[in-house]
Amino acid sequence: MVLKEKIPSIYQSLFPELLDIEFPEEKIATCDTCNLCLSKQSPYINTKCCAYHPHLANFLVGGILNDTASSLAAGKERVQGQILARVGVTPYGIIPPVSYTLRQKQVDSQEFWTRPQELVDAQLCPYYDGGHCTIW
């Protein structure tokens, strides 16, 4: 696998000389074999590490909306929905809404393995779909 296959196209022009560097494929800690889901008692069993709302800089939002890859269709739709709903939308990009931030404080105040699954599930990334990211 080469670096070019792993990074968004928007970054590829920044260091073209590195794009053909080969590196080994990750086989242990992948989205399909998430380390947070090794135990059936994990509060992250439904969300993996995607119990997180990313901050999307304005240029990344534009990159997502302008990308023609069919694999981003669901992600584009979700980003457009957030923009139309004006949820966390700023001139700087899309940020987590206040409700997410308040819940995250509740999550962080509890021990990792004793966090209520319902609370963690409520923090599911808005771009997560069926175990995979719709905007990456």
N, C-alpha and C. Protein backbone atom coordinates (compact mmCIF):
# COMPACT_ATOMS: atom_id res chain seq x y z
N MET A 1 0.85 -1.17 0.00
CA MET A 1 0.00 0.00 0.00
C MET A 1 0.90 1.24 0.00
N VAL A 2 0.50 2.24 -0.76
CA VAL A 2 1.27 3.48 -0.82
C VAL A 2 0.51 4.59 -0.09
N LEU A 3 1.25 5.58 0.35
CA LEU A 3 0.69 6.68 1.11
C LEU A 3 -0.46 7.37 0.37
N LYS A 4 -0.36 7.48 -0.92
CA LYS A 4 -1.38 8.16 -1.72
C LYS A 4 -2.77 7.54 -1.51
N GLU A 5 -2.83 6.24 -1.24
CA GLU A 5 -4.10 5.55 -1.05
C GLU A 5 -4.72 5.82 0.32
N LYS A 6 -3.96 6.40 1.23
CA LYS A 6 -4.44 6.57 2.59
C LYS A 6 -4.76 8.00 3.01
N ILE A 7 -4.36 8.98 2.22
CA ILE A 7 -4.61 10.36 2.64
C ILE A 7 -5.57 11.03 1.66
N PRO A 8 -6.37 11.97 2.18
CA PRO A 8 -7.31 12.69 1.31
C PRO A 8 -6.57 13.44 0.19
N SER A 9 -7.20 13.53 -0.94
CA SER A 9 -6.58 14.15 -2.11
C SER A 9 -6.19 15.61 -1.86
N ILE A 10 -6.89 16.29 -0.98
CA ILE A 10 -6.59 17.69 -0.71
C ILE A 10 -5.16 17.88 -0.18
N TYR A 11 -4.63 16.86 0.51
CA TYR A 11 -3.29 16.95 1.09
C TYR A 11 -2.20 16.45 0.14
N GLN A 12 -2.56 15.79 -0.92
CA GLN A 12 -1.57 15.14 -1.77
C GLN A 12 -0.66 16.12 -2.48
N SER A 13 -1.12 17.32 -2.77
CA SER A 13 -0.27 18.29 -3.46
C SER A 13 0.77 18.91 -2.52
N LEU A 14 0.62 18.72 -1.22
CA LEU A 14 1.55 19.33 -0.26
C LEU A 14 2.90 18.63 -0.23
N PHE A 15 2.91 17.33 -0.49
CA PHE A 15 4.17 16.59 -0.46
C PHE A 15 4.15 15.45 -1.49
N PRO A 16 4.16 15.83 -2.77
CA PRO A 16 4.05 14.83 -3.83
C PRO A 16 5.17 13.80 -3.84
N GLU A 17 6.36 14.19 -3.36
CA GLU A 17 7.49 13.26 -3.37
C GLU A 17 7.32 12.10 -2.39
N LEU A 18 6.38 12.21 -1.46
CA LEU A 18 6.16 11.16 -0.47
C LEU A 18 5.02 10.21 -0.83
N LEU A 19 4.25 10.54 -1.85
CA LEU A 19 3.03 9.80 -2.15
C LEU A 19 3.25 8.35 -2.55
N ASP A 20 4.42 8.03 -3.09
CA ASP A 20 4.67 6.67 -3.54
C ASP A 20 5.40 5.81 -2.52
N ILE A 21 5.61 6.34 -1.33
CA ILE A 21 6.26 5.55 -0.28
C ILE A 21 5.33 4.41 0.12
N GLU A 22 5.87 3.22 0.15
CA GLU A 22 5.06 2.06 0.54
C GLU A 22 5.20 1.83 2.03
N PHE A 23 4.12 1.40 2.63
CA PHE A 23 4.15 1.06 4.04
C PHE A 23 3.24 -0.14 4.26
N PRO A 24 3.49 -0.90 5.33
CA PRO A 24 2.70 -2.11 5.55
C PRO A 24 1.25 -1.80 5.90
N GLU A 25 0.38 -2.67 5.49
CA GLU A 25 -1.04 -2.51 5.80
C GLU A 25 -1.29 -2.88 7.26
N GLU A 26 -2.09 -2.08 7.95
CA GLU A 26 -2.46 -2.36 9.34
C GLU A 26 -3.39 -3.56 9.36
N LYS A 27 -3.07 -4.55 10.17
CA LYS A 27 -3.90 -5.76 10.23
C LYS A 27 -4.48 -6.00 11.62
N ILE A 28 -4.00 -5.27 12.61
CA ILE A 28 -4.44 -5.52 13.98
C ILE A 28 -5.50 -4.52 14.42
N ALA A 29 -5.18 -3.24 14.34
CA ALA A 29 -6.10 -2.21 14.82
C ALA A 29 -6.75 -1.51 13.64
N THR A 30 -7.80 -2.10 13.11
CA THR A 30 -8.50 -1.52 11.98
C THR A 30 -9.94 -1.24 12.38
N CYS A 31 -10.68 -0.57 11.52
CA CYS A 31 -12.09 -0.30 11.81
C CYS A 31 -12.87 -1.61 11.96
N ASP A 32 -12.47 -2.63 11.20
CA ASP A 32 -13.18 -3.90 11.28
C ASP A 32 -12.77 -4.74 12.48
N THR A 33 -11.62 -4.44 13.05
CA THR A 33 -11.15 -5.14 14.26
C THR A 33 -10.80 -4.12 15.33
N CYS A 34 -11.76 -3.32 15.70
CA CYS A 34 -11.56 -2.22 16.64
C CYS A 34 -11.15 -2.74 18.02
N ASN A 35 -10.06 -2.16 18.55
CA ASN A 35 -9.59 -2.57 19.87
C ASN A 35 -10.58 -2.22 20.98
N LEU A 36 -11.41 -1.22 20.76
CA LEU A 36 -12.39 -0.85 21.79
C LEU A 36 -13.54 -1.85 21.85
N CYS A 37 -13.61 -2.75 20.90
CA CYS A 37 -14.72 -3.71 20.85
C CYS A 37 -14.28 -5.15 21.12
N LEU A 38 -13.10 -5.32 21.68
CA LEU A 38 -12.63 -6.67 21.96
C LEU A 38 -13.45 -7.35 23.05
N SER A 39 -13.96 -6.56 23.97
CA SER A 39 -14.78 -7.09 25.07
C SER A 39 -16.25 -6.80 24.80
N LYS A 40 -17.10 -7.78 25.00
CA LYS A 40 -18.55 -7.59 24.80
C LYS A 40 -19.11 -6.61 25.84
N GLN A 41 -18.37 -6.37 26.93
CA GLN A 41 -18.81 -5.44 27.97
C GLN A 41 -18.38 -4.00 27.69
N SER A 42 -17.69 -3.77 26.61
CA SER A 42 -17.21 -2.44 26.29
C SER A 42 -18.39 -1.49 26.05
N PRO A 43 -18.35 -0.30 26.64
CA PRO A 43 -19.41 0.67 26.36
C PRO A 43 -19.33 1.20 24.92
N TYR A 44 -18.24 0.87 24.21
CA TYR A 44 -18.04 1.34 22.85
C TYR A 44 -18.36 0.28 21.80
N ILE A 45 -19.07 -0.76 22.19
CA ILE A 45 -19.37 -1.88 21.30
C ILE A 45 -20.15 -1.43 20.06
N ASN A 46 -21.00 -0.43 20.18
CA ASN A 46 -21.81 0.05 19.04
C ASN A 46 -21.17 1.20 18.29
N THR A 47 -20.21 1.86 18.90
CA THR A 47 -19.67 3.08 18.31
C THR A 47 -18.21 2.99 17.89
N LYS A 48 -17.50 1.98 18.40
CA LYS A 48 -16.05 1.88 18.19
C LYS A 48 -15.43 3.18 18.72
N CYS A 49 -14.36 3.62 18.10
CA CYS A 49 -13.76 4.89 18.54
C CYS A 49 -14.47 6.07 17.90
N CYS A 50 -15.56 5.80 17.23
CA CYS A 50 -16.31 6.85 16.52
C CYS A 50 -17.34 7.53 17.42
N ALA A 51 -17.15 7.43 18.73
CA ALA A 51 -17.99 8.17 19.68
C ALA A 51 -17.31 9.53 19.84
N TYR A 52 -17.23 10.23 18.73
CA TYR A 52 -16.49 11.48 18.67
C TYR A 52 -17.04 12.29 17.50
N HIS A 53 -17.25 13.56 17.72
CA HIS A 53 -17.71 14.46 16.65
C HIS A 53 -16.51 15.28 16.23
N PRO A 54 -15.99 15.05 15.02
CA PRO A 54 -14.80 15.79 14.60
C PRO A 54 -15.09 17.25 14.31
N HIS A 55 -14.07 18.07 14.45
CA HIS A 55 -14.12 19.45 13.98
C HIS A 55 -13.68 19.41 12.53
N LEU A 56 -14.52 19.87 11.63
CA LEU A 56 -14.16 19.89 10.21
C LEU A 56 -13.86 21.33 9.80
N ALA A 57 -12.62 21.58 9.48
CA ALA A 57 -12.23 22.92 9.02
C ALA A 57 -12.98 23.24 7.73
N ASN A 58 -13.20 24.53 7.49
CA ASN A 58 -13.98 24.96 6.33
C ASN A 58 -13.44 24.40 5.01
N PHE A 59 -12.12 24.32 4.87
CA PHE A 59 -11.57 23.80 3.62
C PHE A 59 -11.83 22.30 3.47
N LEU A 60 -11.94 21.57 4.60
CA LEU A 60 -12.28 20.15 4.52
C LEU A 60 -13.75 19.97 4.15
N VAL A 61 -14.61 20.81 4.69
CA VAL A 61 -16.03 20.76 4.32
C VAL A 61 -16.16 21.00 2.82
N GLY A 62 -15.47 22.01 2.32
CA GLY A 62 -15.49 22.29 0.89
C GLY A 62 -14.94 21.13 0.08
N GLY A 63 -13.88 20.51 0.58
CA GLY A 63 -13.30 19.37 -0.11
C GLY A 63 -14.26 18.20 -0.19
N ILE A 64 -14.97 17.94 0.89
CA ILE A 64 -15.96 16.86 0.92
C ILE A 64 -17.07 17.16 -0.08
N LEU A 65 -17.58 18.38 -0.05
CA LEU A 65 -18.69 18.74 -0.93
C LEU A 65 -18.30 18.77 -2.40
N ASN A 66 -17.04 19.05 -2.70
CA ASN A 66 -16.59 19.11 -4.09
C ASN A 66 -16.06 17.79 -4.63
N ASP A 67 -15.79 16.84 -3.74
CA ASP A 67 -15.25 15.54 -4.18
C ASP A 67 -16.31 14.79 -4.98
N THR A 68 -15.90 14.19 -6.07
CA THR A 68 -16.85 13.48 -6.93
C THR A 68 -16.90 11.98 -6.66
N ALA A 69 -16.15 11.50 -5.69
CA ALA A 69 -16.14 10.06 -5.38
C ALA A 69 -17.51 9.60 -4.89
N SER A 70 -18.00 8.54 -5.46
CA SER A 70 -19.32 8.03 -5.05
C SER A 70 -19.29 7.50 -3.62
N SER A 71 -18.12 7.13 -3.13
CA SER A 71 -18.01 6.62 -1.75
C SER A 71 -18.30 7.71 -0.71
N LEU A 72 -18.28 8.97 -1.13
CA LEU A 72 -18.55 10.08 -0.20
C LEU A 72 -19.99 10.58 -0.27
N ALA A 73 -20.83 9.94 -1.06
CA ALA A 73 -22.21 10.42 -1.25
C ALA A 73 -22.96 10.56 0.07
N ALA A 74 -22.89 9.54 0.91
CA ALA A 74 -23.60 9.60 2.20
C ALA A 74 -23.01 10.68 3.09
N GLY A 75 -21.69 10.81 3.09
CA GLY A 75 -21.04 11.84 3.89
C GLY A 75 -21.41 13.24 3.43
N LYS A 76 -21.44 13.44 2.12
CA LYS A 76 -21.85 14.74 1.56
C LYS A 76 -23.26 15.09 2.02
N GLU A 77 -24.13 14.11 1.95
CA GLU A 77 -25.52 14.32 2.35
C GLU A 77 -25.60 14.72 3.82
N ARG A 78 -24.80 14.08 4.64
CA ARG A 78 -24.81 14.40 6.08
C ARG A 78 -24.24 15.80 6.35
N VAL A 79 -23.18 16.14 5.66
CA VAL A 79 -22.59 17.48 5.81
C VAL A 79 -23.59 18.53 5.34
N GLN A 80 -24.22 18.30 4.20
CA GLN A 80 -25.21 19.25 3.69
C GLN A 80 -26.38 19.38 4.66
N GLY A 81 -26.79 18.27 5.27
CA GLY A 81 -27.86 18.31 6.27
C GLY A 81 -27.50 19.17 7.47
N GLN A 82 -26.25 19.04 7.93
CA GLN A 82 -25.80 19.86 9.06
C GLN A 82 -25.80 21.34 8.67
N ILE A 83 -25.34 21.62 7.47
CA ILE A 83 -25.30 23.02 7.02
C ILE A 83 -26.71 23.58 6.94
N LEU A 84 -27.63 22.84 6.33
CA LEU A 84 -29.01 23.30 6.20
C LEU A 84 -29.68 23.48 7.56
N ALA A 85 -29.36 22.58 8.50
CA ALA A 85 -29.94 22.67 9.84
C ALA A 85 -29.20 23.68 10.72
N ARG A 86 -28.08 24.18 10.20
CA ARG A 86 -27.24 25.13 10.94
C ARG A 86 -26.80 24.57 12.28
N VAL A 87 -26.40 23.29 12.25
CA VAL A 87 -25.95 22.61 13.46
C VAL A 87 -24.43 22.66 13.52
N GLY A 88 -23.89 23.46 14.41
CA GLY A 88 -22.45 23.56 14.58
C GLY A 88 -21.71 24.21 13.41
N VAL A 89 -22.42 24.92 12.57
CA VAL A 89 -21.81 25.53 11.39
C VAL A 89 -21.30 26.92 11.74
N THR A 90 -20.04 27.15 11.42
CA THR A 90 -19.41 28.45 11.64
C THR A 90 -18.64 28.82 10.38
N PRO A 91 -18.16 30.05 10.27
CA PRO A 91 -17.31 30.40 9.12
C PRO A 91 -16.02 29.58 9.08
N TYR A 92 -15.63 29.02 10.21
CA TYR A 92 -14.39 28.25 10.30
C TYR A 92 -14.59 26.78 9.96
N GLY A 93 -15.83 26.33 9.86
CA GLY A 93 -16.11 24.93 9.55
C GLY A 93 -17.28 24.43 10.36
N ILE A 94 -17.32 23.11 10.54
CA ILE A 94 -18.39 22.48 11.33
C ILE A 94 -17.78 21.97 12.63
N ILE A 95 -18.37 22.39 13.73
CA ILE A 95 -17.89 21.99 15.05
C ILE A 95 -18.99 21.19 15.76
N PRO A 96 -18.64 20.46 16.80
CA PRO A 96 -19.67 19.72 17.54
C PRO A 96 -20.70 20.67 18.14
N PRO A 97 -21.99 20.28 18.10
CA PRO A 97 -23.01 21.12 18.72
C PRO A 97 -22.88 21.13 20.24
N VAL A 98 -23.50 22.11 20.87
CA VAL A 98 -23.43 22.26 22.32
C VAL A 98 -23.91 20.99 23.03
N SER A 99 -24.98 20.37 22.53
CA SER A 99 -25.50 19.16 23.17
C SER A 99 -24.45 18.06 23.21
N TYR A 100 -23.67 17.92 22.15
CA TYR A 100 -22.60 16.93 22.11
C TYR A 100 -21.54 17.26 23.17
N THR A 101 -21.14 18.52 23.21
CA THR A 101 -20.09 18.94 24.14
C THR A 101 -20.52 18.70 25.59
N LEU A 102 -21.77 19.00 25.92
CA LEU A 102 -22.26 18.77 27.29
C LEU A 102 -22.28 17.29 27.63
N ARG A 103 -22.74 16.44 26.68
CA ARG A 103 -22.73 14.99 26.92
C ARG A 103 -21.30 14.47 27.07
N GLN A 104 -20.37 15.03 26.29
CA GLN A 104 -18.99 14.57 26.36
C GLN A 104 -18.40 14.83 27.74
N LYS A 105 -18.78 15.93 28.35
CA LYS A 105 -18.32 16.20 29.72
C LYS A 105 -18.82 15.13 30.68
N GLN A 106 -20.07 14.67 30.48
CA GLN A 106 -20.61 13.58 31.30
C GLN A 106 -19.82 12.30 31.07
N VAL A 107 -19.55 11.99 29.81
CA VAL A 107 -18.80 10.78 29.47
C VAL A 107 -17.42 10.83 30.11
N ASP A 108 -16.73 11.94 29.95
CA ASP A 108 -15.36 12.07 30.45
C ASP A 108 -15.28 12.02 31.97
N SER A 109 -16.36 12.34 32.65
CA SER A 109 -16.33 12.35 34.12
C SER A 109 -16.44 10.94 34.71
N GLN A 110 -16.64 9.94 33.87
CA GLN A 110 -16.80 8.57 34.37
C GLN A 110 -15.63 7.69 33.96
N GLU A 111 -15.38 6.66 34.75
CA GLU A 111 -14.33 5.71 34.43
C GLU A 111 -14.60 5.08 33.08
N PHE A 112 -13.57 4.85 32.31
CA PHE A 112 -13.70 4.38 30.94
C PHE A 112 -14.62 3.16 30.80
N TRP A 113 -14.37 2.10 31.53
CA TRP A 113 -15.11 0.85 31.36
C TRP A 113 -16.47 0.85 32.03
N THR A 114 -16.75 1.89 32.84
CA THR A 114 -18.06 1.94 33.50
C THR A 114 -18.97 3.00 32.91
N ARG A 115 -18.58 3.57 31.79
CA ARG A 115 -19.41 4.57 31.14
C ARG A 115 -20.70 3.92 30.64
N PRO A 116 -21.84 4.56 30.88
CA PRO A 116 -23.10 3.98 30.40
C PRO A 116 -23.12 3.91 28.87
N GLN A 117 -23.45 2.74 28.36
CA GLN A 117 -23.45 2.54 26.91
C GLN A 117 -24.40 3.50 26.21
N GLU A 118 -25.54 3.81 26.83
CA GLU A 118 -26.50 4.73 26.20
C GLU A 118 -25.88 6.10 26.00
N LEU A 119 -25.08 6.52 26.98
CA LEU A 119 -24.44 7.83 26.90
C LEU A 119 -23.38 7.83 25.80
N VAL A 120 -22.59 6.77 25.73
CA VAL A 120 -21.58 6.64 24.69
C VAL A 120 -22.25 6.56 23.32
N ASP A 121 -23.33 5.78 23.22
CA ASP A 121 -24.05 5.65 21.94
C ASP A 121 -24.58 6.99 21.45
N ALA A 122 -24.98 7.86 22.37
CA ALA A 122 -25.50 9.18 22.00
C ALA A 122 -24.39 10.06 21.41
N GLN A 123 -23.14 9.68 21.64
CA GLN A 123 -22.01 10.45 21.13
C GLN A 123 -21.51 9.96 19.78
N LEU A 124 -22.24 9.05 19.16
CA LEU A 124 -21.81 8.49 17.88
C LEU A 124 -21.55 9.59 16.86
N CYS A 125 -20.46 9.48 16.16
CA CYS A 125 -20.08 10.46 15.14
C CYS A 125 -21.19 10.56 14.09
N PRO A 126 -21.55 11.77 13.70
CA PRO A 126 -22.62 11.94 12.70
C PRO A 126 -22.24 11.42 11.31
N TYR A 127 -20.98 11.09 11.12
CA TYR A 127 -20.51 10.62 9.81
C TYR A 127 -20.28 9.10 9.81
N TYR A 128 -20.60 8.46 10.91
CA TYR A 128 -20.43 7.01 11.05
C TYR A 128 -21.64 6.30 10.45
N ASP A 129 -21.37 5.25 9.68
CA ASP A 129 -22.47 4.49 9.08
C ASP A 129 -22.07 3.03 8.93
N GLY A 130 -22.73 2.17 9.67
CA GLY A 130 -22.50 0.74 9.53
C GLY A 130 -21.08 0.30 9.75
N GLY A 131 -20.38 0.95 10.66
CA GLY A 131 -19.02 0.54 10.97
C GLY A 131 -17.94 1.29 10.22
N HIS A 132 -18.32 2.23 9.37
CA HIS A 132 -17.32 2.94 8.59
C HIS A 132 -17.63 4.43 8.50
N CYS A 133 -16.60 5.20 8.19
CA CYS A 133 -16.71 6.65 8.06
C CYS A 133 -17.20 7.02 6.67
N THR A 134 -18.15 7.94 6.60
CA THR A 134 -18.70 8.35 5.31
C THR A 134 -17.98 9.56 4.70
N ILE A 135 -17.05 10.14 5.45
CA ILE A 135 -16.35 11.33 4.91
C ILE A 135 -14.85 11.11 4.73
N TRP A 136 -14.31 9.98 5.11
CA TRP A 136 -12.87 9.75 4.98
C TRP A 136 -12.54 9.17 3.64
